[in-house]
N, C-alpha and C. Protein backbone atom coordinates (compact mmCIF):
# COMPACT_ATOMS: atom_id res chain seq x y z
N MET A 1 0.83 -1.18 0.00
CA MET A 1 0.00 0.00 0.00
C MET A 1 0.87 1.25 0.00
N LYS A 2 0.44 2.24 -0.72
CA LYS A 2 1.17 3.49 -0.82
C LYS A 2 0.74 4.44 0.30
N THR A 3 1.73 5.05 0.93
CA THR A 3 1.46 6.05 1.95
C THR A 3 1.46 7.42 1.30
N HIS A 4 0.40 8.18 1.54
CA HIS A 4 0.34 9.57 1.08
C HIS A 4 0.40 10.42 2.33
N SER A 5 1.28 11.38 2.31
CA SER A 5 1.26 12.24 3.47
C SER A 5 1.70 13.63 3.08
N THR A 6 0.83 14.50 3.22
CA THR A 6 1.05 15.89 3.48
C THR A 6 1.10 16.84 2.33
N THR A 7 0.93 18.07 2.73
CA THR A 7 1.17 19.23 1.88
C THR A 7 1.99 20.20 2.71
N ILE A 8 3.06 20.70 2.12
CA ILE A 8 3.94 21.67 2.76
C ILE A 8 4.03 22.88 1.85
N VAL A 9 3.97 24.08 2.41
CA VAL A 9 4.14 25.31 1.63
C VAL A 9 5.09 26.24 2.37
N ALA A 10 5.94 26.93 1.63
CA ALA A 10 6.82 27.96 2.17
C ALA A 10 6.46 29.28 1.52
N VAL A 11 6.43 30.33 2.34
CA VAL A 11 6.03 31.66 1.86
C VAL A 11 7.02 32.69 2.40
N LYS A 12 7.49 33.57 1.51
CA LYS A 12 8.34 34.70 1.90
C LYS A 12 7.54 35.99 1.74
N ARG A 13 7.60 36.84 2.77
CA ARG A 13 6.95 38.14 2.66
C ARG A 13 7.55 39.08 3.71
N GLU A 14 7.89 40.27 3.25
CA GLU A 14 8.37 41.33 4.13
C GLU A 14 9.48 40.86 5.07
N GLY A 15 10.45 40.17 4.53
CA GLY A 15 11.61 39.74 5.30
C GLY A 15 11.37 38.56 6.23
N ARG A 16 10.25 37.89 6.09
CA ARG A 16 9.95 36.73 6.93
C ARG A 16 9.66 35.53 6.04
N VAL A 17 9.95 34.35 6.55
CA VAL A 17 9.63 33.11 5.84
C VAL A 17 8.82 32.23 6.77
N ALA A 18 7.71 31.73 6.27
CA ALA A 18 6.87 30.79 7.02
C ALA A 18 6.77 29.49 6.23
N ILE A 19 6.82 28.40 6.96
CA ILE A 19 6.57 27.08 6.38
C ILE A 19 5.43 26.46 7.16
N ALA A 20 4.44 25.96 6.43
CA ALA A 20 3.28 25.32 7.05
C ALA A 20 3.03 23.97 6.40
N GLY A 21 2.47 23.07 7.18
CA GLY A 21 2.11 21.75 6.67
C GLY A 21 0.92 21.20 7.42
N ASP A 22 0.22 20.30 6.77
CA ASP A 22 -0.93 19.67 7.43
C ASP A 22 -0.46 18.46 8.23
N GLY A 23 -1.40 17.80 8.91
CA GLY A 23 -1.03 16.70 9.79
C GLY A 23 -1.52 15.33 9.38
N GLN A 24 -2.04 15.18 8.17
CA GLN A 24 -2.66 13.91 7.78
C GLN A 24 -1.66 12.95 7.17
N VAL A 25 -1.79 11.69 7.56
CA VAL A 25 -1.04 10.60 6.94
C VAL A 25 -2.07 9.56 6.52
N THR A 26 -1.99 9.15 5.26
CA THR A 26 -2.95 8.21 4.70
C THR A 26 -2.21 6.96 4.24
N LEU A 27 -2.76 5.81 4.56
CA LEU A 27 -2.21 4.53 4.10
C LEU A 27 -3.28 3.87 3.26
N GLY A 28 -2.97 3.62 1.98
CA GLY A 28 -3.98 3.10 1.08
C GLY A 28 -5.09 4.12 0.94
N ASN A 29 -6.32 3.72 1.22
CA ASN A 29 -7.42 4.67 1.12
C ASN A 29 -8.00 5.01 2.49
N GLY A 30 -7.16 4.90 3.53
CA GLY A 30 -7.61 5.24 4.87
C GLY A 30 -6.67 6.22 5.56
N ILE A 31 -7.25 7.07 6.39
CA ILE A 31 -6.45 8.01 7.19
C ILE A 31 -5.99 7.26 8.43
N ILE A 32 -4.67 7.27 8.66
CA ILE A 32 -4.14 6.57 9.83
C ILE A 32 -3.62 7.52 10.90
N LYS A 33 -3.45 8.80 10.55
CA LYS A 33 -2.99 9.78 11.53
C LYS A 33 -3.45 11.16 11.08
N ASN A 34 -3.92 11.95 12.04
CA ASN A 34 -4.40 13.30 11.75
C ASN A 34 -3.48 14.41 12.25
N HIS A 35 -2.60 14.11 13.20
CA HIS A 35 -1.84 15.17 13.87
C HIS A 35 -0.34 15.00 13.72
N ALA A 36 0.13 14.53 12.59
CA ALA A 36 1.57 14.40 12.37
C ALA A 36 2.19 15.79 12.28
N LYS A 37 3.40 15.93 12.81
CA LYS A 37 4.13 17.20 12.78
C LYS A 37 5.24 17.07 11.74
N LYS A 38 5.03 17.69 10.58
CA LYS A 38 5.97 17.56 9.49
C LYS A 38 6.72 18.86 9.20
N VAL A 39 6.53 19.84 10.08
CA VAL A 39 7.27 21.10 10.01
C VAL A 39 7.98 21.24 11.34
N ARG A 40 9.30 21.48 11.29
CA ARG A 40 10.11 21.49 12.51
C ARG A 40 11.20 22.55 12.44
N LEU A 41 11.65 22.95 13.62
CA LEU A 41 12.81 23.83 13.73
C LEU A 41 14.06 22.97 13.86
N LEU A 42 15.12 23.39 13.21
CA LEU A 42 16.42 22.72 13.28
C LEU A 42 17.47 23.73 13.71
N SER A 43 18.65 23.23 13.98
CA SER A 43 19.82 24.08 14.23
C SER A 43 19.53 25.13 15.30
N GLY A 44 18.98 24.68 16.42
CA GLY A 44 18.71 25.58 17.53
C GLY A 44 17.67 26.65 17.22
N GLY A 45 16.73 26.34 16.33
CA GLY A 45 15.67 27.28 15.99
C GLY A 45 16.03 28.26 14.89
N LYS A 46 17.18 28.09 14.25
CA LYS A 46 17.63 29.00 13.19
C LYS A 46 17.18 28.57 11.80
N ILE A 47 16.73 27.33 11.68
CA ILE A 47 16.31 26.76 10.40
C ILE A 47 14.91 26.17 10.59
N VAL A 48 14.03 26.39 9.62
CA VAL A 48 12.72 25.76 9.63
C VAL A 48 12.64 24.85 8.41
N ALA A 49 12.08 23.66 8.61
CA ALA A 49 12.02 22.68 7.51
C ALA A 49 10.71 21.92 7.58
N GLY A 50 10.24 21.50 6.42
CA GLY A 50 9.06 20.66 6.32
C GLY A 50 9.32 19.57 5.30
N PHE A 51 8.72 18.41 5.51
CA PHE A 51 8.91 17.31 4.57
C PHE A 51 7.58 16.74 4.14
N ALA A 52 7.57 16.22 2.93
CA ALA A 52 6.42 15.50 2.37
C ALA A 52 6.92 14.16 1.89
N GLY A 53 6.07 13.15 2.01
CA GLY A 53 6.44 11.80 1.60
C GLY A 53 6.44 10.89 2.81
N SER A 54 7.24 9.86 2.77
CA SER A 54 7.33 8.91 3.87
C SER A 54 7.81 9.62 5.13
N ALA A 55 7.08 9.44 6.23
CA ALA A 55 7.43 10.10 7.48
C ALA A 55 8.81 9.66 7.98
N ALA A 56 9.06 8.37 7.98
CA ALA A 56 10.36 7.88 8.45
C ALA A 56 11.49 8.42 7.59
N ASP A 57 11.28 8.45 6.28
CA ASP A 57 12.31 8.96 5.37
C ASP A 57 12.51 10.46 5.58
N GLY A 58 11.43 11.20 5.75
CA GLY A 58 11.54 12.64 5.98
C GLY A 58 12.28 12.95 7.25
N ILE A 59 11.98 12.23 8.32
CA ILE A 59 12.67 12.44 9.60
C ILE A 59 14.15 12.09 9.48
N ALA A 60 14.45 10.99 8.80
CA ALA A 60 15.85 10.60 8.59
C ALA A 60 16.60 11.68 7.83
N LEU A 61 15.97 12.26 6.83
CA LEU A 61 16.62 13.30 6.04
C LEU A 61 16.81 14.58 6.85
N LEU A 62 15.85 14.93 7.68
CA LEU A 62 16.01 16.11 8.53
C LEU A 62 17.15 15.91 9.53
N GLU A 63 17.30 14.69 10.04
CA GLU A 63 18.42 14.38 10.93
C GLU A 63 19.75 14.52 10.20
N ARG A 64 19.82 14.04 8.96
CA ARG A 64 21.04 14.20 8.15
C ARG A 64 21.33 15.67 7.87
N LEU A 65 20.28 16.42 7.56
CA LEU A 65 20.46 17.85 7.31
C LEU A 65 21.00 18.53 8.56
N GLU A 66 20.48 18.18 9.72
CA GLU A 66 20.95 18.75 10.99
C GLU A 66 22.45 18.49 11.16
N GLN A 67 22.89 17.27 10.83
CA GLN A 67 24.32 16.94 10.92
C GLN A 67 25.14 17.79 9.96
N LYS A 68 24.63 17.97 8.74
CA LYS A 68 25.35 18.78 7.74
C LYS A 68 25.42 20.24 8.20
N LEU A 69 24.35 20.74 8.78
CA LEU A 69 24.35 22.11 9.28
C LEU A 69 25.38 22.28 10.39
N GLU A 70 25.44 21.33 11.30
CA GLU A 70 26.44 21.37 12.38
C GLU A 70 27.85 21.35 11.82
N ALA A 71 28.08 20.51 10.82
CA ALA A 71 29.41 20.37 10.23
C ALA A 71 29.85 21.63 9.48
N HIS A 72 28.89 22.45 9.06
CA HIS A 72 29.21 23.64 8.26
C HIS A 72 28.78 24.93 8.95
N GLY A 73 28.81 24.92 10.28
CA GLY A 73 28.58 26.13 11.05
C GLY A 73 27.20 26.76 10.86
N GLY A 74 26.19 25.95 10.57
CA GLY A 74 24.84 26.47 10.40
C GLY A 74 24.58 27.09 9.04
N ASN A 75 25.53 27.00 8.11
CA ASN A 75 25.36 27.56 6.77
C ASN A 75 24.37 26.69 5.99
N LEU A 76 23.18 27.26 5.75
CA LEU A 76 22.12 26.49 5.10
C LEU A 76 22.50 26.06 3.68
N THR A 77 23.05 26.97 2.91
CA THR A 77 23.39 26.63 1.52
C THR A 77 24.38 25.48 1.48
N ARG A 78 25.42 25.58 2.28
CA ARG A 78 26.44 24.52 2.31
C ARG A 78 25.86 23.20 2.82
N GLY A 79 25.07 23.26 3.88
CA GLY A 79 24.44 22.05 4.43
C GLY A 79 23.50 21.40 3.43
N ALA A 80 22.73 22.23 2.70
CA ALA A 80 21.79 21.70 1.71
C ALA A 80 22.54 21.04 0.56
N VAL A 81 23.61 21.65 0.10
CA VAL A 81 24.41 21.07 -1.00
C VAL A 81 25.00 19.74 -0.57
N GLU A 82 25.54 19.70 0.62
CA GLU A 82 26.15 18.45 1.10
C GLU A 82 25.11 17.35 1.28
N LEU A 83 23.94 17.70 1.79
CA LEU A 83 22.88 16.70 1.93
C LEU A 83 22.44 16.20 0.56
N ALA A 84 22.23 17.10 -0.38
CA ALA A 84 21.77 16.70 -1.72
C ALA A 84 22.80 15.78 -2.39
N LYS A 85 24.07 16.09 -2.24
CA LYS A 85 25.11 15.22 -2.82
C LYS A 85 25.07 13.83 -2.19
N GLU A 86 25.01 13.79 -0.87
CA GLU A 86 24.99 12.49 -0.18
C GLU A 86 23.71 11.72 -0.52
N TRP A 87 22.59 12.41 -0.55
CA TRP A 87 21.29 11.80 -0.84
C TRP A 87 21.30 11.16 -2.22
N ARG A 88 21.92 11.82 -3.17
CA ARG A 88 21.95 11.31 -4.54
C ARG A 88 22.96 10.17 -4.71
N MET A 89 24.06 10.24 -3.99
CA MET A 89 25.15 9.29 -4.20
C MET A 89 25.05 8.04 -3.32
N ASP A 90 24.52 8.16 -2.12
CA ASP A 90 24.47 7.05 -1.18
C ASP A 90 23.40 6.04 -1.60
N ARG A 91 23.79 4.80 -1.66
CA ARG A 91 22.89 3.74 -2.14
C ARG A 91 21.62 3.63 -1.30
N ALA A 92 21.73 3.70 0.01
CA ALA A 92 20.56 3.58 0.88
C ALA A 92 19.71 4.85 0.84
N LEU A 93 20.35 6.00 0.89
CA LEU A 93 19.61 7.27 0.89
C LEU A 93 18.84 7.49 -0.41
N ARG A 94 19.39 7.00 -1.52
CA ARG A 94 18.74 7.19 -2.83
C ARG A 94 17.32 6.67 -2.86
N HIS A 95 17.02 5.69 -2.00
CA HIS A 95 15.70 5.07 -2.01
C HIS A 95 14.71 5.73 -1.06
N LEU A 96 15.14 6.77 -0.37
CA LEU A 96 14.24 7.46 0.53
C LEU A 96 13.19 8.23 -0.27
N GLU A 97 11.95 8.14 0.17
CA GLU A 97 10.84 8.75 -0.55
C GLU A 97 10.30 9.94 0.23
N ALA A 98 10.97 11.05 0.09
CA ALA A 98 10.54 12.29 0.74
C ALA A 98 11.15 13.46 -0.03
N VAL A 99 10.57 14.61 0.17
CA VAL A 99 11.06 15.87 -0.38
C VAL A 99 11.03 16.86 0.77
N ILE A 100 11.98 17.79 0.78
CA ILE A 100 12.12 18.73 1.89
C ILE A 100 12.07 20.17 1.37
N ILE A 101 11.42 21.05 2.14
CA ILE A 101 11.56 22.49 1.97
C ILE A 101 12.23 23.00 3.23
N VAL A 102 13.24 23.84 3.08
CA VAL A 102 14.02 24.31 4.21
C VAL A 102 14.35 25.79 4.03
N SER A 103 14.42 26.53 5.16
CA SER A 103 14.74 27.96 5.10
C SER A 103 15.47 28.40 6.36
N ASP A 104 16.31 29.40 6.17
CA ASP A 104 16.98 30.05 7.29
C ASP A 104 16.41 31.45 7.53
N GLY A 105 15.29 31.77 6.91
CA GLY A 105 14.69 33.09 7.02
C GLY A 105 15.10 34.01 5.89
N ARG A 106 16.12 33.63 5.15
CA ARG A 106 16.55 34.38 3.96
C ARG A 106 16.35 33.55 2.70
N GLN A 107 17.02 32.42 2.66
CA GLN A 107 16.89 31.53 1.51
C GLN A 107 15.83 30.47 1.79
N VAL A 108 15.20 30.03 0.71
CA VAL A 108 14.28 28.90 0.76
C VAL A 108 14.74 27.91 -0.30
N TYR A 109 14.88 26.64 0.08
CA TYR A 109 15.31 25.61 -0.85
C TYR A 109 14.37 24.43 -0.81
N LEU A 110 14.15 23.82 -1.97
CA LEU A 110 13.50 22.54 -2.10
C LEU A 110 14.61 21.53 -2.36
N LEU A 111 14.67 20.46 -1.57
CA LEU A 111 15.69 19.42 -1.73
C LEU A 111 15.02 18.11 -2.08
N SER A 112 15.60 17.40 -3.06
CA SER A 112 15.06 16.09 -3.43
C SER A 112 16.19 15.09 -3.61
N GLY A 113 15.80 13.82 -3.67
CA GLY A 113 16.77 12.74 -3.83
C GLY A 113 17.41 12.68 -5.20
N ASN A 114 16.96 13.49 -6.13
CA ASN A 114 17.59 13.55 -7.45
C ASN A 114 18.80 14.46 -7.45
N GLY A 115 19.12 15.03 -6.30
CA GLY A 115 20.21 15.98 -6.21
C GLY A 115 19.75 17.41 -6.43
N ASP A 116 18.44 17.61 -6.47
CA ASP A 116 17.90 18.95 -6.69
C ASP A 116 18.06 19.82 -5.46
N ILE A 117 18.51 21.04 -5.70
CA ILE A 117 18.47 22.11 -4.71
C ILE A 117 17.86 23.27 -5.48
N ILE A 118 16.57 23.48 -5.26
CA ILE A 118 15.85 24.48 -6.04
C ILE A 118 15.51 25.66 -5.15
N GLU A 119 15.95 26.83 -5.56
CA GLU A 119 15.55 28.06 -4.89
C GLU A 119 14.45 28.66 -5.76
N PRO A 120 13.24 28.78 -5.23
CA PRO A 120 12.12 29.21 -6.08
C PRO A 120 12.31 30.63 -6.61
N ASP A 121 11.80 30.87 -7.82
CA ASP A 121 11.82 32.21 -8.41
C ASP A 121 10.80 33.11 -7.72
N GLU A 122 9.74 32.51 -7.23
CA GLU A 122 8.66 33.25 -6.60
C GLU A 122 8.87 33.30 -5.09
N ASP A 123 7.94 33.94 -4.41
CA ASP A 123 8.00 34.03 -2.96
C ASP A 123 7.22 32.91 -2.29
N CYS A 124 6.96 31.82 -3.03
CA CYS A 124 6.29 30.66 -2.43
C CYS A 124 6.65 29.41 -3.23
N ILE A 125 6.57 28.28 -2.54
CA ILE A 125 6.80 26.99 -3.16
C ILE A 125 6.07 25.95 -2.32
N ALA A 126 5.63 24.86 -2.93
CA ALA A 126 4.90 23.83 -2.19
C ALA A 126 5.31 22.45 -2.68
N ILE A 127 5.18 21.47 -1.79
CA ILE A 127 5.47 20.07 -2.10
C ILE A 127 4.36 19.20 -1.51
N GLY A 128 4.30 17.97 -1.98
CA GLY A 128 3.37 17.01 -1.42
C GLY A 128 2.10 16.86 -2.23
N SER A 129 1.20 16.09 -1.67
CA SER A 129 -0.03 15.73 -2.37
C SER A 129 -0.87 16.92 -2.79
N GLY A 130 -0.99 17.91 -1.95
CA GLY A 130 -1.81 19.08 -2.26
C GLY A 130 -1.01 20.28 -2.74
N ALA A 131 0.23 20.03 -3.18
CA ALA A 131 1.12 21.13 -3.59
C ALA A 131 0.53 22.06 -4.64
N PRO A 132 -0.09 21.54 -5.70
CA PRO A 132 -0.61 22.48 -6.71
C PRO A 132 -1.66 23.44 -6.14
N TYR A 133 -2.49 22.94 -5.23
CA TYR A 133 -3.54 23.78 -4.64
C TYR A 133 -2.94 24.81 -3.68
N ALA A 134 -2.03 24.36 -2.83
CA ALA A 134 -1.41 25.27 -1.86
C ALA A 134 -0.57 26.33 -2.55
N HIS A 135 0.15 25.92 -3.58
CA HIS A 135 1.00 26.86 -4.32
C HIS A 135 0.14 27.92 -5.01
N ALA A 136 -0.91 27.50 -5.67
CA ALA A 136 -1.80 28.46 -6.35
C ALA A 136 -2.43 29.42 -5.34
N ALA A 137 -2.89 28.88 -4.21
CA ALA A 137 -3.51 29.74 -3.20
C ALA A 137 -2.50 30.74 -2.65
N ALA A 138 -1.29 30.28 -2.35
CA ALA A 138 -0.26 31.18 -1.81
C ALA A 138 0.08 32.28 -2.81
N ARG A 139 0.20 31.92 -4.08
CA ARG A 139 0.50 32.94 -5.11
C ARG A 139 -0.57 34.01 -5.15
N MET A 140 -1.82 33.60 -5.13
CA MET A 140 -2.92 34.58 -5.22
C MET A 140 -3.02 35.41 -3.94
N LEU A 141 -2.82 34.80 -2.80
CA LEU A 141 -2.87 35.55 -1.55
C LEU A 141 -1.72 36.56 -1.47
N LEU A 142 -0.55 36.19 -1.94
CA LEU A 142 0.58 37.13 -1.96
C LEU A 142 0.30 38.30 -2.90
N LYS A 143 -0.35 38.00 -4.01
CA LYS A 143 -0.62 39.01 -5.02
C LYS A 143 -1.76 39.95 -4.63
N HIS A 144 -2.76 39.44 -3.93
CA HIS A 144 -3.99 40.20 -3.74
C HIS A 144 -4.35 40.52 -2.29
N THR A 145 -3.47 40.21 -1.34
CA THR A 145 -3.77 40.54 0.05
C THR A 145 -2.53 41.11 0.73
N ALA A 146 -2.72 41.61 1.93
CA ALA A 146 -1.61 42.10 2.76
C ALA A 146 -1.33 41.14 3.91
N LEU A 147 -1.84 39.92 3.83
CA LEU A 147 -1.62 38.94 4.89
C LEU A 147 -0.12 38.71 5.09
N SER A 148 0.26 38.37 6.32
CA SER A 148 1.66 38.06 6.63
C SER A 148 2.05 36.72 5.99
N ALA A 149 3.34 36.44 5.98
CA ALA A 149 3.84 35.16 5.45
C ALA A 149 3.19 33.99 6.19
N LEU A 150 3.09 34.10 7.50
CA LEU A 150 2.50 33.03 8.30
C LEU A 150 1.02 32.84 7.97
N GLU A 151 0.29 33.94 7.83
CA GLU A 151 -1.13 33.86 7.49
C GLU A 151 -1.35 33.28 6.10
N VAL A 152 -0.52 33.68 5.14
CA VAL A 152 -0.63 33.15 3.78
C VAL A 152 -0.37 31.65 3.79
N ALA A 153 0.68 31.22 4.50
CA ALA A 153 1.01 29.79 4.55
C ALA A 153 -0.14 28.99 5.14
N ARG A 154 -0.71 29.46 6.23
CA ARG A 154 -1.84 28.75 6.86
C ARG A 154 -3.05 28.68 5.92
N GLU A 155 -3.38 29.80 5.28
CA GLU A 155 -4.53 29.83 4.37
C GLU A 155 -4.29 28.94 3.15
N ALA A 156 -3.06 28.87 2.68
CA ALA A 156 -2.75 28.02 1.53
C ALA A 156 -2.96 26.55 1.86
N ILE A 157 -2.57 26.13 3.07
CA ILE A 157 -2.81 24.74 3.49
C ILE A 157 -4.30 24.50 3.67
N THR A 158 -5.01 25.47 4.23
CA THR A 158 -6.46 25.33 4.39
C THR A 158 -7.13 25.15 3.03
N THR A 159 -6.71 25.94 2.05
CA THR A 159 -7.27 25.81 0.70
C THR A 159 -6.97 24.43 0.12
N ALA A 160 -5.73 23.98 0.28
CA ALA A 160 -5.37 22.64 -0.22
C ALA A 160 -6.23 21.57 0.45
N SER A 161 -6.52 21.75 1.74
CA SER A 161 -7.32 20.74 2.45
C SER A 161 -8.74 20.66 1.93
N ASP A 162 -9.22 21.75 1.35
CA ASP A 162 -10.56 21.75 0.76
C ASP A 162 -10.61 20.98 -0.56
N MET A 163 -9.45 20.76 -1.16
CA MET A 163 -9.41 20.18 -2.50
C MET A 163 -8.68 18.84 -2.59
N CYS A 164 -7.78 18.58 -1.66
CA CYS A 164 -6.95 17.38 -1.71
C CYS A 164 -7.35 16.43 -0.58
N ILE A 165 -7.71 15.21 -0.92
CA ILE A 165 -8.15 14.26 0.11
C ILE A 165 -7.00 13.79 1.00
N TYR A 166 -5.75 14.09 0.64
CA TYR A 166 -4.60 13.69 1.43
C TYR A 166 -4.09 14.83 2.32
N THR A 167 -4.86 15.90 2.44
CA THR A 167 -4.47 17.08 3.21
C THR A 167 -5.59 17.43 4.18
N ASN A 168 -5.22 17.72 5.45
CA ASN A 168 -6.24 18.12 6.41
C ASN A 168 -5.94 19.50 6.99
N ARG A 169 -6.75 19.93 7.95
CA ARG A 169 -6.64 21.27 8.54
C ARG A 169 -5.91 21.28 9.87
N GLU A 170 -5.22 20.22 10.20
CA GLU A 170 -4.40 20.18 11.41
C GLU A 170 -3.03 20.76 11.04
N ILE A 171 -2.92 22.06 11.09
CA ILE A 171 -1.78 22.79 10.51
C ILE A 171 -0.72 23.09 11.55
N THR A 172 0.52 22.80 11.17
CA THR A 172 1.67 23.27 11.92
C THR A 172 2.34 24.33 11.05
N ALA A 173 2.53 25.52 11.60
CA ALA A 173 3.14 26.61 10.83
C ALA A 173 4.18 27.30 11.71
N LEU A 174 5.36 27.49 11.15
CA LEU A 174 6.46 28.15 11.88
C LEU A 174 7.01 29.25 10.99
N GLU A 175 7.51 30.30 11.62
CA GLU A 175 8.00 31.46 10.87
C GLU A 175 9.37 31.88 11.39
N LEU A 176 10.22 32.32 10.46
CA LEU A 176 11.56 32.84 10.80
C LEU A 176 11.75 34.20 10.16
N ALA A 177 12.53 35.02 10.81
CA ALA A 177 12.99 36.27 10.22
C ALA A 177 14.51 36.17 10.14
N PRO A 178 15.10 36.81 9.16
CA PRO A 178 16.56 36.72 9.03
C PRO A 178 17.29 37.34 10.21
C-alpha cells in the first residue's frame, strides 16, 4: 500500500519566511494519523524545515540535514548542498521517498533525492499531495492581500485541504525572520 502524506508550503513576505504543513497521513485509502508534525525547527531554531512523503524517510533526512548544518557552522546553503550530494550518491539514501523544503529566514530551498536544490523564483513553493492547490492559493494571496507570510502559509494549506483528500486542517506553521 502506498502512503500519502502531506502538503507543505513555504512563503516569503516582508523579510519573513513561514513554512506550514498539514497533519494527515494516509495509508492506502484510509487516514491513519491526523496530527503528524511535518514542520520542525532545526539548528537551535535557526532553520525551519518541512517534509512531504514517507514520514520515516523525511525524519531521517532532517536528521542528516541537521548533521550537515552542524558540520558547516549552520550555513544552510552549504548544508543543503552536502545533503543533496549524499542523498543522490548514497545507495541507501537514494531510495528514501521524501522531499524537503528548508529555510533560514533568507533563503528557501526545495531538496530532493535527485540531487535537486531548487531556490524558487517566486515568494512561495509547495510540495506534497496538495502542492498544486497550496501553491496556487499562496501565489494569489501574496498578489492580492496584505496577509503576513504566516497567514498566507496557513490559508494556503487550508485551501489545499478543501481540494486534496490527502491534506487536512491540522496545521503546523512556523515562521523565521533573518
